[in-house]
Every structure is written in C-alpha cells, then in structure tokens.
Amino acid sequence: QVQFVESGGALVQPGGSLRLSCAASGRIFSRYPMAWYRQAPGKQRELVAGITSGGITNYADSVKGRFTISRGDAKIMVYLQMNSLKSEDTAVYYCNIWGSSEASGSWGQGTQVTVSS
C-alpha cells in the first residue's frame, strides 16, 4: 500500500508564504490526478486544490488566487505553493490521489501549517 509523505509545514506570520511537498513512499503511477486537502481542528477534511495528469487545476474558493498546485518530478508527486497566508489557513495539510475517500489507506501523517503572529 502506497502512502504519501507531506513536508514543508511550519509556523508562519499572516501574509507569509510556504511551499508544501508530497512524496510517495512506494512505487506509484506518477500521473495520477493529485490533490491537497486540509483539516483544521474540529472540522472535516476538505479539498484545497487538485491537479489532473494534464495539468488542469481546481481550487477551493477560499484559496483561489493565493495557492498554486503543481506537479513535481519522479520523487515529488505534487507541490502546493501558499502565498498571502491567513490565520484561517491553519490546518494539517495532506496530499492524496484526487477523489480519495477517508477510508483510503494512502493517507499520510500530514504536515502542520500554523499561521499566527
């Protein structure tokens, strides 16, 4: 079972930027449609951004114009560039195949993003 490993989370001030990376722990078809999700305390996990094998992207309204998802090379499946961060972006961020259910065994530990002054 492939699992994804997220990295790049940190404590950052409002208005700051971060870039998250997502790698796969095992061999996986590199052209799966991929997505970033996030889960804030007390809330359900939500889709943040997705990208198809052909590079078509989709974003949650709350991050449009601030976040950019892009595909990586053979080692990194997908990146998430986050600019103009807000306190409401604070969450644990996860990557997975776009459309994965909560029951999927490929969810990783996520990476914590905290936006605070």
N, C-alpha and C. Protein backbone atom coordinates (compact mmCIF):
# COMPACT_ATOMS: atom_id res chain seq x y z
N GLN A 1 0.85 -1.19 0.00
CA GLN A 1 0.00 0.00 0.00
C GLN A 1 0.88 1.25 0.00
N VAL A 2 0.69 2.06 -0.99
CA VAL A 2 1.45 3.30 -1.06
C VAL A 2 0.90 4.29 -0.05
N GLN A 3 1.77 5.01 0.60
CA GLN A 3 1.36 6.13 1.44
C GLN A 3 2.08 7.38 0.98
N PHE A 4 1.45 8.50 1.23
CA PHE A 4 2.04 9.77 0.86
C PHE A 4 2.69 10.42 2.07
N VAL A 5 3.76 11.14 1.82
CA VAL A 5 4.52 11.80 2.87
C VAL A 5 4.58 13.28 2.55
N GLU A 6 3.99 14.08 3.43
CA GLU A 6 3.94 15.51 3.22
C GLU A 6 5.03 16.20 4.04
N SER A 7 5.53 17.31 3.52
CA SER A 7 6.54 18.08 4.23
C SER A 7 6.43 19.55 3.86
N GLY A 8 7.08 20.38 4.67
CA GLY A 8 7.13 21.81 4.37
C GLY A 8 6.29 22.68 5.27
N GLY A 9 5.50 22.07 6.13
CA GLY A 9 4.69 22.87 7.03
C GLY A 9 5.53 23.58 8.08
N ALA A 10 5.00 24.69 8.60
CA ALA A 10 5.74 25.47 9.58
C ALA A 10 4.82 26.49 10.22
N LEU A 11 5.38 27.21 11.18
CA LEU A 11 4.70 28.36 11.77
C LEU A 11 5.10 29.59 10.94
N VAL A 12 4.13 30.32 10.47
CA VAL A 12 4.41 31.48 9.62
C VAL A 12 3.47 32.62 10.00
N GLN A 13 3.92 33.84 9.80
CA GLN A 13 3.10 35.00 10.11
C GLN A 13 2.07 35.25 9.03
N PRO A 14 0.95 35.88 9.37
CA PRO A 14 -0.03 36.24 8.34
C PRO A 14 0.63 37.03 7.22
N GLY A 15 0.26 36.70 5.99
CA GLY A 15 0.86 37.32 4.84
C GLY A 15 2.08 36.60 4.31
N GLY A 16 2.55 35.62 5.04
CA GLY A 16 3.73 34.87 4.64
C GLY A 16 3.44 33.80 3.61
N SER A 17 4.49 33.06 3.25
CA SER A 17 4.39 32.03 2.22
C SER A 17 5.04 30.74 2.70
N LEU A 18 4.55 29.64 2.15
CA LEU A 18 5.14 28.31 2.38
C LEU A 18 4.98 27.50 1.11
N ARG A 19 5.85 26.51 0.93
CA ARG A 19 5.67 25.55 -0.15
C ARG A 19 5.68 24.16 0.46
N LEU A 20 4.61 23.45 0.23
CA LEU A 20 4.48 22.08 0.70
C LEU A 20 4.86 21.10 -0.41
N SER A 21 5.44 19.98 0.00
CA SER A 21 5.81 18.93 -0.95
C SER A 21 5.16 17.61 -0.56
N CYS A 22 4.93 16.78 -1.55
CA CYS A 22 4.27 15.49 -1.32
C CYS A 22 5.03 14.41 -2.08
N ALA A 23 5.52 13.42 -1.35
CA ALA A 23 6.21 12.29 -1.96
C ALA A 23 5.44 11.01 -1.68
N ALA A 24 5.66 10.00 -2.50
CA ALA A 24 5.04 8.70 -2.29
C ALA A 24 6.06 7.76 -1.66
N SER A 25 5.59 6.95 -0.71
CA SER A 25 6.51 6.06 0.00
C SER A 25 6.84 4.82 -0.79
N GLY A 26 6.08 4.53 -1.84
CA GLY A 26 6.35 3.36 -2.64
C GLY A 26 6.19 3.69 -4.11
N ARG A 27 6.25 2.67 -4.94
CA ARG A 27 6.09 2.90 -6.36
C ARG A 27 4.63 3.20 -6.68
N ILE A 28 4.44 4.20 -7.49
CA ILE A 28 3.09 4.61 -7.83
C ILE A 28 3.10 5.23 -9.21
N PHE A 29 2.01 5.03 -9.93
CA PHE A 29 1.87 5.66 -11.22
C PHE A 29 1.97 7.18 -11.04
N SER A 30 2.92 7.77 -11.72
CA SER A 30 3.24 9.17 -11.46
C SER A 30 2.22 10.14 -12.04
N ARG A 31 1.30 9.67 -12.85
CA ARG A 31 0.38 10.60 -13.50
C ARG A 31 -1.03 10.55 -12.94
N TYR A 32 -1.17 10.03 -11.73
CA TYR A 32 -2.48 10.10 -11.09
C TYR A 32 -2.89 11.56 -10.92
N PRO A 33 -4.17 11.87 -10.98
CA PRO A 33 -4.61 13.19 -10.56
C PRO A 33 -4.38 13.31 -9.06
N MET A 34 -3.79 14.40 -8.64
CA MET A 34 -3.40 14.56 -7.25
C MET A 34 -4.09 15.77 -6.64
N ALA A 35 -4.17 15.77 -5.32
CA ALA A 35 -4.83 16.87 -4.65
C ALA A 35 -4.23 17.12 -3.28
N TRP A 36 -4.40 18.33 -2.82
CA TRP A 36 -4.07 18.71 -1.45
C TRP A 36 -5.38 18.90 -0.69
N TYR A 37 -5.38 18.40 0.54
CA TYR A 37 -6.52 18.54 1.43
C TYR A 37 -6.01 19.17 2.74
N ARG A 38 -6.92 19.66 3.56
CA ARG A 38 -6.51 20.16 4.86
C ARG A 38 -7.62 19.88 5.89
N GLN A 39 -7.19 19.77 7.13
CA GLN A 39 -8.14 19.55 8.21
C GLN A 39 -7.77 20.47 9.37
N ALA A 40 -8.66 21.39 9.66
CA ALA A 40 -8.48 22.29 10.79
C ALA A 40 -9.07 21.65 12.04
N PRO A 41 -8.65 22.07 13.21
CA PRO A 41 -9.17 21.50 14.45
C PRO A 41 -10.69 21.59 14.51
N GLY A 42 -11.33 20.45 14.80
CA GLY A 42 -12.77 20.41 14.94
C GLY A 42 -13.55 20.44 13.64
N LYS A 43 -12.84 20.36 12.52
CA LYS A 43 -13.51 20.40 11.22
C LYS A 43 -13.19 19.17 10.40
N GLN A 44 -14.01 18.93 9.38
CA GLN A 44 -13.76 17.80 8.48
C GLN A 44 -12.65 18.15 7.51
N ARG A 45 -12.03 17.12 7.00
CA ARG A 45 -11.00 17.33 5.99
C ARG A 45 -11.68 17.87 4.73
N GLU A 46 -11.02 18.86 4.11
CA GLU A 46 -11.60 19.49 2.92
C GLU A 46 -10.58 19.55 1.80
N LEU A 47 -11.09 19.56 0.57
CA LEU A 47 -10.24 19.69 -0.61
C LEU A 47 -9.76 21.13 -0.74
N VAL A 48 -8.46 21.29 -0.93
CA VAL A 48 -7.87 22.62 -1.12
C VAL A 48 -7.60 22.88 -2.59
N ALA A 49 -6.96 21.93 -3.25
CA ALA A 49 -6.60 22.11 -4.66
C ALA A 49 -6.34 20.75 -5.28
N GLY A 50 -6.63 20.64 -6.57
CA GLY A 50 -6.39 19.40 -7.29
C GLY A 50 -5.77 19.68 -8.65
N ILE A 51 -5.06 18.69 -9.19
CA ILE A 51 -4.45 18.83 -10.50
C ILE A 51 -4.55 17.51 -11.24
N THR A 52 -4.96 17.56 -12.49
CA THR A 52 -5.08 16.35 -13.30
C THR A 52 -3.74 15.98 -13.92
N SER A 53 -3.71 14.84 -14.57
CA SER A 53 -2.47 14.40 -15.23
C SER A 53 -2.10 15.37 -16.34
N GLY A 54 -3.07 16.05 -16.89
CA GLY A 54 -2.81 17.01 -17.96
C GLY A 54 -2.55 18.42 -17.47
N GLY A 55 -2.54 18.62 -16.15
CA GLY A 55 -2.22 19.93 -15.61
C GLY A 55 -3.40 20.84 -15.36
N ILE A 56 -4.60 20.34 -15.53
CA ILE A 56 -5.79 21.16 -15.23
C ILE A 56 -5.95 21.23 -13.72
N THR A 57 -6.15 22.44 -13.21
CA THR A 57 -6.21 22.64 -11.77
C THR A 57 -7.58 23.10 -11.31
N ASN A 58 -7.85 22.88 -10.05
CA ASN A 58 -9.08 23.32 -9.42
C ASN A 58 -8.77 23.71 -7.99
N TYR A 59 -9.38 24.80 -7.52
CA TYR A 59 -9.08 25.31 -6.18
C TYR A 59 -10.37 25.58 -5.40
N ALA A 60 -10.26 25.41 -4.09
CA ALA A 60 -11.35 25.85 -3.22
C ALA A 60 -11.45 27.37 -3.32
N ASP A 61 -12.65 27.90 -3.22
CA ASP A 61 -12.83 29.34 -3.33
C ASP A 61 -11.99 30.10 -2.31
N SER A 62 -11.80 29.52 -1.16
CA SER A 62 -11.09 30.21 -0.07
C SER A 62 -9.61 30.41 -0.36
N VAL A 63 -9.06 29.68 -1.33
CA VAL A 63 -7.61 29.79 -1.60
C VAL A 63 -7.31 30.28 -3.01
N LYS A 64 -8.32 30.48 -3.81
CA LYS A 64 -8.10 30.93 -5.19
C LYS A 64 -7.32 32.24 -5.21
N GLY A 65 -6.32 32.30 -6.08
CA GLY A 65 -5.50 33.49 -6.20
C GLY A 65 -4.36 33.55 -5.21
N ARG A 66 -4.35 32.67 -4.22
CA ARG A 66 -3.29 32.66 -3.21
C ARG A 66 -2.45 31.38 -3.25
N PHE A 67 -3.08 30.27 -3.56
CA PHE A 67 -2.40 28.97 -3.58
C PHE A 67 -2.23 28.50 -5.01
N THR A 68 -1.13 27.77 -5.25
CA THR A 68 -0.89 27.19 -6.57
C THR A 68 -0.43 25.75 -6.41
N ILE A 69 -1.13 24.84 -7.06
CA ILE A 69 -0.74 23.44 -7.06
C ILE A 69 0.02 23.14 -8.34
N SER A 70 1.07 22.33 -8.23
CA SER A 70 1.84 21.98 -9.41
C SER A 70 2.37 20.56 -9.25
N ARG A 71 2.64 19.92 -10.38
CA ARG A 71 3.17 18.57 -10.35
C ARG A 71 4.68 18.62 -10.20
N GLY A 72 5.22 17.59 -9.56
CA GLY A 72 6.66 17.54 -9.36
C GLY A 72 7.33 16.60 -10.34
N ASP A 73 8.52 16.15 -9.94
CA ASP A 73 9.29 15.22 -10.78
C ASP A 73 9.01 13.81 -10.29
N ALA A 74 9.90 12.89 -10.56
CA ALA A 74 9.67 11.49 -10.22
C ALA A 74 9.58 11.26 -8.72
N LYS A 75 10.26 12.08 -7.91
CA LYS A 75 10.27 11.86 -6.47
C LYS A 75 9.16 12.61 -5.75
N ILE A 76 8.89 13.81 -6.16
CA ILE A 76 7.84 14.62 -5.56
C ILE A 76 6.63 14.59 -6.48
N MET A 77 5.52 14.12 -5.92
CA MET A 77 4.32 13.99 -6.73
C MET A 77 3.70 15.34 -7.05
N VAL A 78 3.62 16.18 -6.00
CA VAL A 78 2.89 17.43 -6.17
C VAL A 78 3.35 18.44 -5.13
N TYR A 79 3.32 19.70 -5.50
CA TYR A 79 3.65 20.81 -4.60
C TYR A 79 2.39 21.66 -4.35
N LEU A 80 2.45 22.41 -3.26
CA LEU A 80 1.43 23.43 -3.02
C LEU A 80 2.14 24.69 -2.56
N GLN A 81 2.15 25.70 -3.42
CA GLN A 81 2.71 27.00 -3.07
C GLN A 81 1.61 27.82 -2.44
N MET A 82 1.85 28.28 -1.23
CA MET A 82 0.83 29.04 -0.48
C MET A 82 1.36 30.44 -0.20
N ASN A 83 0.70 31.43 -0.73
CA ASN A 83 1.07 32.83 -0.52
C ASN A 83 -0.05 33.56 0.22
N SER A 84 0.29 34.72 0.76
CA SER A 84 -0.69 35.56 1.47
C SER A 84 -1.48 34.74 2.48
N LEU A 85 -0.76 34.00 3.28
CA LEU A 85 -1.41 33.10 4.24
C LEU A 85 -2.21 33.86 5.27
N LYS A 86 -3.33 33.26 5.67
CA LYS A 86 -4.22 33.83 6.66
C LYS A 86 -4.36 32.88 7.84
N SER A 87 -4.82 33.39 8.95
CA SER A 87 -4.97 32.55 10.14
C SER A 87 -5.92 31.38 9.88
N GLU A 88 -6.90 31.62 9.02
CA GLU A 88 -7.86 30.54 8.72
C GLU A 88 -7.28 29.44 7.85
N ASP A 89 -6.05 29.62 7.38
CA ASP A 89 -5.36 28.55 6.65
C ASP A 89 -4.68 27.57 7.60
N THR A 90 -4.70 27.86 8.87
CA THR A 90 -4.10 26.96 9.85
C THR A 90 -4.80 25.61 9.83
N ALA A 91 -4.02 24.56 9.61
CA ALA A 91 -4.58 23.21 9.50
C ALA A 91 -3.44 22.22 9.29
N VAL A 92 -3.79 20.94 9.35
CA VAL A 92 -2.88 19.90 8.91
C VAL A 92 -3.19 19.66 7.43
N TYR A 93 -2.15 19.70 6.60
CA TYR A 93 -2.31 19.56 5.16
C TYR A 93 -1.87 18.16 4.73
N TYR A 94 -2.69 17.56 3.87
CA TYR A 94 -2.45 16.22 3.37
C TYR A 94 -2.49 16.22 1.84
N CYS A 95 -1.77 15.29 1.24
CA CYS A 95 -1.92 15.08 -0.19
C CYS A 95 -2.40 13.64 -0.40
N ASN A 96 -3.05 13.43 -1.52
CA ASN A 96 -3.53 12.10 -1.87
C ASN A 96 -4.01 12.14 -3.31
N ILE A 97 -4.33 10.99 -3.83
CA ILE A 97 -4.93 10.93 -5.15
C ILE A 97 -6.27 11.67 -5.09
N TRP A 98 -6.51 12.51 -6.09
CA TRP A 98 -7.73 13.32 -6.12
C TRP A 98 -8.94 12.40 -6.09
N GLY A 99 -9.83 12.64 -5.13
CA GLY A 99 -11.04 11.83 -5.01
C GLY A 99 -10.93 10.70 -4.00
N SER A 100 -9.79 10.60 -3.32
CA SER A 100 -9.62 9.54 -2.32
C SER A 100 -10.64 9.70 -1.20
N SER A 101 -11.14 8.56 -0.73
CA SER A 101 -12.09 8.60 0.38
C SER A 101 -11.35 8.62 1.70
N GLU A 102 -12.10 8.89 2.77
CA GLU A 102 -11.49 8.89 4.09
C GLU A 102 -10.99 7.49 4.46
N ALA A 103 -11.56 6.49 3.83
CA ALA A 103 -11.17 5.11 4.13
C ALA A 103 -9.90 4.69 3.41
N SER A 104 -9.39 5.53 2.53
CA SER A 104 -8.19 5.19 1.77
C SER A 104 -7.01 4.92 2.70
N GLY A 105 -6.24 3.90 2.39
CA GLY A 105 -5.08 3.57 3.22
C GLY A 105 -3.85 4.38 2.88
N SER A 106 -3.98 5.29 1.91
CA SER A 106 -2.80 6.03 1.47
C SER A 106 -2.64 7.40 2.13
N TRP A 107 -3.52 7.73 3.06
CA TRP A 107 -3.36 9.00 3.78
C TRP A 107 -2.09 8.94 4.63
N GLY A 108 -1.32 10.01 4.58
CA GLY A 108 -0.13 10.11 5.40
C GLY A 108 -0.42 10.83 6.71
N GLN A 109 0.65 11.24 7.37
CA GLN A 109 0.52 11.94 8.65
C GLN A 109 0.19 13.42 8.47
N GLY A 110 0.40 13.93 7.28
CA GLY A 110 0.14 15.34 7.05
C GLY A 110 1.28 16.22 7.55
N THR A 111 1.19 17.50 7.22
CA THR A 111 2.17 18.47 7.69
C THR A 111 1.42 19.67 8.26
N GLN A 112 1.84 20.12 9.43
CA GLN A 112 1.13 21.19 10.14
C GLN A 112 1.52 22.55 9.61
N VAL A 113 0.52 23.33 9.26
CA VAL A 113 0.71 24.73 8.87
C VAL A 113 -0.01 25.58 9.91
N THR A 114 0.73 26.46 10.54
CA THR A 114 0.15 27.36 11.53
C THR A 114 0.44 28.79 11.12
N VAL A 115 -0.61 29.57 10.97
CA VAL A 115 -0.46 30.97 10.57
C VAL A 115 -0.86 31.82 11.77
N SER A 116 0.13 32.48 12.34
CA SER A 116 -0.12 33.25 13.57
C SER A 116 0.97 34.28 13.75
N SER A 117 0.60 35.40 14.33
CA SER A 117 1.59 36.43 14.64
C SER A 117 2.11 36.25 16.06
